[in-house]
């Protein structure tokens, strides 16, 4: 529950039952990618982040998940 009072005196309240990203309220593919980029780019760089995202979306075609290892190194 979030409650706050605006400068004009209005009191606003919001109650979120299901958190965005939970099974009941899943993120879209674009939202997942934006979140991944936000979390990973500063750590592994923009190029590796893009490659990792592409590899994860195409996970079924990997011969081994070990192929992801080079993309996860700093």
Protein backbone atom coordinates (compact mmCIF):
# COMPACT_ATOMS: atom_id res chain seq x y z
CA UNK A 1 0.00 0.00 0.00
CA UNK A 2 1.31 3.41 -0.98
CA UNK A 3 -0.23 6.55 0.47
CA UNK A 4 0.79 10.16 0.04
CA UNK A 5 -0.64 13.64 0.27
CA UNK A 6 -0.22 15.98 -2.69
CA UNK A 7 0.71 19.64 -2.25
CA UNK A 8 -2.89 20.60 -2.99
CA UNK A 9 -4.09 18.46 -0.06
CA UNK A 10 -5.39 15.51 -2.06
CA UNK A 11 -4.69 12.17 -0.42
CA UNK A 12 -3.78 9.42 -2.84
CA UNK A 13 -3.60 5.73 -2.08
CA UNK A 14 -2.74 2.71 -4.18
CA UNK A 15 -2.76 -0.95 -3.29
CA UNK A 16 -1.01 -3.42 -5.56
CA UNK A 17 -2.21 -6.99 -5.07
CA UNK A 18 -0.02 -8.58 -7.74
CA UNK A 19 3.49 -7.33 -8.39
CA UNK A 20 4.39 -6.62 -12.02
CA UNK A 21 6.44 -9.52 -13.32
CA UNK A 22 4.69 -12.16 -11.21
CA UNK A 23 2.97 -15.07 -12.96
CA UNK A 24 -0.38 -13.33 -12.56
CA UNK A 25 0.96 -10.15 -14.18
CA UNK A 26 3.85 -11.15 -16.46
CA UNK A 27 6.21 -8.74 -18.15
CA UNK A 28 6.09 -8.43 -21.92
CA UNK A 29 9.10 -9.53 -23.93
CA UNK A 30 10.08 -5.87 -24.41
CA UNK A 31 9.82 -5.25 -20.66
CA UNK A 32 11.98 -8.30 -19.92
CA UNK A 33 14.62 -7.12 -22.38
CA UNK A 34 14.58 -3.58 -20.98
CA UNK A 35 15.03 -4.96 -17.46
CA UNK A 36 17.88 -7.24 -18.60
CA UNK A 37 19.62 -4.36 -20.35
CA UNK A 38 19.22 -2.13 -17.30
CA UNK A 39 20.69 -4.76 -14.98
CA UNK A 40 23.43 -6.19 -17.21
CA UNK A 41 24.83 -3.44 -19.43
CA UNK A 42 26.79 -1.75 -16.64
CA UNK A 43 28.35 -5.09 -15.68
CA UNK A 44 29.10 -6.96 -18.92
CA UNK A 45 28.75 -4.17 -21.46
CA UNK A 46 26.25 -3.36 -24.18
CA UNK A 47 27.55 -5.81 -26.78
CA UNK A 48 27.62 -8.86 -24.48
CA UNK A 49 24.25 -7.91 -23.05
CA UNK A 50 22.70 -7.91 -26.51
CA UNK A 51 24.34 -11.23 -27.37
CA UNK A 52 23.22 -12.79 -24.08
CA UNK A 53 19.63 -11.65 -24.53
CA UNK A 54 19.56 -13.06 -28.07
CA UNK A 55 21.07 -16.35 -26.88
CA UNK A 56 18.56 -16.70 -24.06
CA UNK A 57 15.59 -16.07 -26.35
CA UNK A 58 17.00 -18.80 -28.62
CA UNK A 59 17.98 -21.15 -25.79
CA UNK A 60 16.47 -24.22 -27.45
CA UNK A 61 19.01 -24.07 -30.27
CA UNK A 62 22.09 -24.04 -28.01
CA UNK A 63 24.05 -27.28 -27.96
CA UNK A 64 24.94 -26.64 -24.33
CA UNK A 65 24.17 -23.95 -21.77
CA UNK A 66 27.95 -23.78 -21.37
CA UNK A 67 27.86 -21.73 -24.57
CA UNK A 68 26.46 -18.90 -22.43
CA UNK A 69 29.51 -18.83 -20.16
CA UNK A 70 31.64 -16.47 -22.31
CA UNK A 71 28.76 -14.00 -22.37
CA UNK A 72 28.56 -13.97 -18.57
CA UNK A 73 32.21 -13.10 -17.90
CA UNK A 74 33.23 -9.58 -16.96
